[in-house]
Protein backbone atom coordinates (compact mmCIF):
# COMPACT_ATOMS: atom_id res chain seq x y z
CA UNK A 1 0.00 0.00 0.00
CA UNK A 2 1.13 3.54 -0.70
CA UNK A 3 0.21 4.39 2.87
CA UNK A 4 3.23 2.37 4.02
CA UNK A 5 5.60 4.39 1.84
CA UNK A 6 8.34 6.26 3.67
CA UNK A 7 9.90 7.73 0.51
CA UNK A 8 12.06 10.78 1.24
CA UNK A 9 11.91 10.17 5.00
CA UNK A 10 15.04 9.93 7.15
CA UNK A 11 15.17 7.57 10.11
CA UNK A 12 17.49 6.51 12.91
CA UNK A 13 17.15 3.15 14.65
CA UNK A 14 19.17 2.75 17.84
CA UNK A 15 20.46 -0.70 18.67
CA UNK A 16 20.13 -1.81 15.06
CA UNK A 17 23.35 -3.74 14.47
CA UNK A 18 21.52 -7.04 14.98
CA UNK A 19 18.25 -8.69 16.00
CA UNK A 20 15.02 -6.72 16.28
CA UNK A 21 16.69 -3.38 15.60
CA UNK A 22 18.30 -4.63 12.40
CA UNK A 23 14.96 -5.98 11.16
CA UNK A 24 13.23 -2.67 11.93
CA UNK A 25 15.96 -0.77 10.07
CA UNK A 26 15.59 -3.13 7.09
CA UNK A 27 11.81 -2.70 7.13
CA UNK A 28 12.01 1.09 7.13
CA UNK A 29 14.58 0.99 4.33
CA UNK A 30 12.38 -1.37 2.28
CA UNK A 31 9.57 1.18 2.66
CA UNK A 32 11.78 3.83 1.10
CA UNK A 33 13.35 5.59 4.11
CA UNK A 34 17.01 6.53 4.34
CA UNK A 35 17.95 4.75 7.56
CA UNK A 36 20.91 5.42 9.82
CA UNK A 37 21.78 2.41 11.94
CA UNK A 38 23.45 2.42 15.33
CA UNK A 39 25.38 0.06 17.56
CA UNK A 40 27.97 -0.03 20.30
CA UNK A 41 30.39 -2.14 18.27
CA UNK A 42 32.26 -1.37 15.07
CA UNK A 43 30.30 -1.41 11.81
CA UNK A 44 28.96 -4.94 11.12
CA UNK A 45 30.43 -6.42 7.96
CA UNK A 46 27.03 -7.62 6.73
CA UNK A 47 25.52 -4.13 6.50
CA UNK A 48 24.86 -2.77 2.99
CA UNK A 49 27.77 -0.60 1.89
CA UNK A 50 25.53 2.45 1.45
CA UNK A 51 23.81 2.12 4.87
CA UNK A 52 24.88 4.89 7.29
CA UNK A 53 26.15 3.46 10.58
CA UNK A 54 26.81 5.36 13.82
CA UNK A 55 28.82 3.90 16.68
CA UNK A 56 28.00 5.20 20.17
CA UNK A 57 27.78 3.81 23.69
CA UNK A 58 24.45 5.06 25.03
CA UNK A 59 25.70 4.63 28.60
CA UNK A 60 27.70 7.81 27.87
CA UNK A 61 25.42 10.72 28.85
CA UNK A 62 26.56 12.74 25.82
CA UNK A 63 25.80 9.99 23.30
CA UNK A 64 22.10 10.72 22.61
CA UNK A 65 22.72 14.30 21.49
CA UNK A 66 25.74 13.25 19.43
CA UNK A 67 23.71 10.55 17.68
CA UNK A 68 20.93 12.93 16.66
CA UNK A 69 23.44 15.52 15.44
CA UNK A 70 25.38 12.92 13.43
CA UNK A 71 22.25 11.42 11.86
CA UNK A 72 21.21 14.80 10.43
CA UNK A 73 17.62 15.99 9.91
CA UNK A 74 15.32 13.11 10.89
CA UNK A 75 11.64 12.35 10.44
CA UNK A 76 11.55 9.04 12.34
CA UNK A 77 13.32 7.85 15.47
CA UNK A 78 13.12 4.26 16.70
CA UNK A 79 14.45 3.86 20.25
CA UNK A 80 15.34 0.19 20.27
CA UNK A 81 18.64 0.00 22.16
CA UNK A 82 18.53 -1.74 25.50
CA UNK A 83 20.06 -4.43 27.63
CA UNK A 84 19.52 -7.01 30.38
CA UNK A 85 21.93 -6.92 33.32
CA UNK A 86 19.95 -8.60 36.12
CA UNK A 87 21.34 -11.13 38.56
CA UNK A 88 19.15 -13.32 40.80
CA UNK A 89 17.23 -10.92 43.02
CA UNK A 90 19.18 -11.66 46.22
CA UNK A 91 22.47 -11.04 44.37
CA UNK A 92 21.46 -7.95 42.34
CA UNK A 93 23.59 -4.86 42.96
CA UNK A 94 23.21 -1.12 42.52
CA UNK A 95 25.71 -0.90 39.63
CA UNK A 96 23.70 -3.30 37.48
CA UNK A 97 20.41 -1.65 38.51
CA UNK A 98 21.66 1.80 37.53
CA UNK A 99 23.20 0.53 34.27
CA UNK A 100 19.82 -0.97 33.34
CA UNK A 101 17.96 2.29 33.88
CA UNK A 102 20.67 4.44 32.30
CA UNK A 103 20.60 2.42 29.08
CA UNK A 104 16.97 1.33 28.85
CA UNK A 105 15.22 4.43 30.18
CA UNK A 106 17.46 7.52 30.51
CA UNK A 107 19.12 7.17 27.11
CA UNK A 108 15.72 6.62 25.49
CA UNK A 109 14.35 9.80 27.04
CA UNK A 110 17.34 11.95 26.14
CA UNK A 111 17.61 10.75 22.54
CA UNK A 112 13.85 11.34 22.14
CA UNK A 113 14.32 14.80 23.64
CA UNK A 114 17.19 15.62 21.25
CA UNK A 115 15.13 14.39 18.30
CA UNK A 116 12.10 16.42 19.39
CA UNK A 117 14.18 19.56 19.82
CA UNK A 118 15.52 19.21 16.28
CA UNK A 119 12.01 18.73 14.89
CA UNK A 120 10.59 21.74 16.76
CA UNK A 121 13.50 23.97 15.74
CA UNK A 122 12.98 23.02 12.08
CA UNK A 123 9.17 23.17 12.25
CA UNK A 124 9.04 19.53 11.18
CA UNK A 125 6.64 16.78 12.26
CA UNK A 126 8.11 13.54 13.55
CA UNK A 127 7.45 10.00 14.70
CA UNK A 128 9.04 8.17 17.61
CA UNK A 129 8.68 4.41 18.18
CA UNK A 130 9.94 3.02 21.51
CA UNK A 131 10.72 -0.67 21.96
CA UNK A 132 9.70 -1.88 25.40
CA UNK A 133 8.78 -5.53 26.11
CA UNK A 134 6.06 -7.80 27.41
CA UNK A 135 8.20 -7.60 30.57
CA UNK A 136 6.69 -4.15 30.97
CA UNK A 137 3.30 -5.84 31.47
CA UNK A 138 4.15 -9.24 32.93
CA UNK A 139 6.84 -10.02 35.53
CA UNK A 140 9.60 -12.58 35.11
CA UNK A 141 11.62 -14.27 37.85
CA UNK A 142 14.96 -12.60 38.69
CA UNK A 143 14.28 -9.77 36.27
CA UNK A 144 13.40 -6.92 38.62
CA UNK A 145 15.53 -4.17 37.05
CA UNK A 146 14.72 -5.18 33.47
CA UNK A 147 10.98 -5.55 34.18
CA UNK A 148 10.86 -2.20 35.98
CA UNK A 149 12.77 -0.47 33.17
CA UNK A 150 10.46 -1.85 30.50
CA UNK A 151 7.41 -0.84 32.53
CA UNK A 152 8.93 2.64 32.74
CA UNK A 153 9.24 2.71 28.95
CA UNK A 154 5.53 1.97 28.54
CA UNK A 155 4.70 5.00 30.69
CA UNK A 156 7.46 7.10 29.10
CA UNK A 157 5.82 6.42 25.73
CA UNK A 158 2.54 7.80 27.05
CA UNK A 159 4.12 10.77 28.79
CA UNK A 160 6.22 11.79 25.79
CA UNK A 161 3.15 11.39 23.57
CA UNK A 162 1.16 13.85 25.66
CA UNK A 163 3.99 16.38 25.71
CA UNK A 164 5.03 16.12 22.07
CA UNK A 165 1.72 15.67 20.22
CA UNK A 166 1.10 19.46 20.22
CA UNK A 167 4.38 19.79 18.29
CA UNK A 168 3.25 17.34 15.63
CA UNK A 169 5.41 14.52 16.98
CA UNK A 170 3.64 11.18 17.43
CA UNK A 171 5.07 8.79 20.01
CA UNK A 172 4.11 5.12 20.20
CA UNK A 173 5.77 1.85 21.09
CA UNK A 174 6.00 -1.87 20.52
CA UNK A 175 6.33 -4.56 23.21
CA UNK A 176 7.97 -7.69 21.80
CA UNK A 177 7.31 -11.04 23.41
CA UNK A 178 9.71 -13.97 23.10
CA UNK A 179 11.61 -13.39 19.86
CA UNK A 180 14.23 -15.69 18.35
CA UNK A 181 17.45 -13.66 18.47
CA UNK A 182 20.98 -14.10 19.81
CA UNK A 183 19.80 -12.59 23.09
CA UNK A 184 17.17 -15.30 23.66
CA UNK A 185 19.38 -18.29 22.82
CA UNK A 186 19.49 -19.23 26.52
CA UNK A 187 15.81 -20.16 26.08
CA UNK A 188 15.63 -21.24 22.44
CA UNK A 189 18.68 -23.54 22.69
CA UNK A 190 17.33 -25.30 25.81
CA UNK A 191 14.75 -27.96 24.77
CA UNK A 192 12.87 -27.88 28.10
CA UNK A 193 12.67 -24.09 28.25
CA UNK A 194 11.72 -23.85 24.58
CA UNK A 195 8.91 -26.40 25.02
CA UNK A 196 7.53 -24.48 27.99
CA UNK A 197 7.76 -21.18 26.12
CA UNK A 198 5.94 -22.51 23.07
CA UNK A 199 3.19 -23.96 25.24
CA UNK A 200 2.60 -20.50 26.71
CA UNK A 201 2.21 -18.81 23.31
CA UNK A 202 -1.25 -19.30 21.73
CA UNK A 203 0.17 -19.07 18.20
CA UNK A 204 2.56 -21.89 19.08
CA UNK A 205 5.73 -20.29 17.72
CA UNK A 206 8.40 -17.82 18.69
CA UNK A 207 8.28 -14.33 17.28
CA UNK A 208 10.74 -13.26 14.62
CA UNK A 209 12.50 -9.91 14.27
CA UNK A 210 10.43 -9.32 11.14
CA UNK A 211 7.22 -9.66 13.21
CA UNK A 212 8.44 -6.75 15.33
CA UNK A 213 9.52 -4.75 12.30
CA UNK A 214 6.02 -4.91 10.83
CA UNK A 215 4.49 -3.28 13.91
CA UNK A 216 7.17 -0.59 14.06
CA UNK A 217 6.77 0.18 10.35
CA UNK A 218 3.01 0.54 10.81
CA UNK A 219 3.46 3.02 13.67
CA UNK A 220 5.99 5.05 11.68
CA UNK A 221 3.75 5.15 8.60
CA UNK A 222 0.85 7.43 7.63
CA UNK A 223 -1.53 4.54 8.41
CA UNK A 224 -1.01 5.28 12.11
CA UNK A 225 -1.50 9.03 11.80
CA UNK A 226 -4.19 9.13 14.52
CA UNK A 227 -2.49 6.74 16.95
CA UNK A 228 -0.72 8.41 19.86
CA UNK A 229 0.77 7.05 23.09
CA UNK A 230 -0.01 3.40 22.41
CA UNK A 231 2.22 0.38 22.91
CA UNK A 232 1.38 -2.51 20.60
CA UNK A 233 2.06 -5.89 22.23
CA UNK A 234 3.58 -8.19 19.60
CA UNK A 235 3.79 -11.54 21.37
CA UNK A 236 1.67 -14.18 19.64
CA UNK A 237 -0.71 -13.97 22.60
CA UNK A 238 1.91 -14.73 25.27
CA UNK A 239 0.58 -12.43 27.99
CA UNK A 240 -3.00 -13.65 27.54
CA UNK A 241 -2.05 -16.75 29.54
């Protein structure tokens, strides 16, 4: 559909060197957007030669502003970068707790703020998509910091939406369930855990990065022009059980 076209739009996807972020970046590019990708490591060899790539550690407080400046004028921002640093709850420490919130929540807010400032200064509308998780709706054992940070992102999506909608900036989010990526191999490579996970998902399969990309592309497209402050749960029905 033409409504999915992002021709002449510029986008930045944080945490897009692999997994869900990479699939979202590919989806936006397939829809016609010029997409800048981001990661903490050096440029991945498999990236298309003409794909802009920005290397920044979002645990550095100055990184969000540098990323937005380096990416140039943007129409779309996807805040996908994040991490899991939890230990079992009785062993969890303040350093890991603070690292979780610095990366998952604070960097998301400040990169969204930098993006919004650039849009307002240029008199340009914009779209922000924030990746949270089903962990923002449903708790998991020994995942207190991660769960709390993803719950914070669900509310941050709503709060940013209220504040930025008057400036023509739509903010929404996606909440992936169990998705087959390198980060979930501890579950997908363990037959017992995988069996239990599949039994808890009504669709009977794991999600794929492309499943997440479809929802993000929808929210960034004109088809979602009247959707504000929503987080779409993309989990095959996982949290229904």
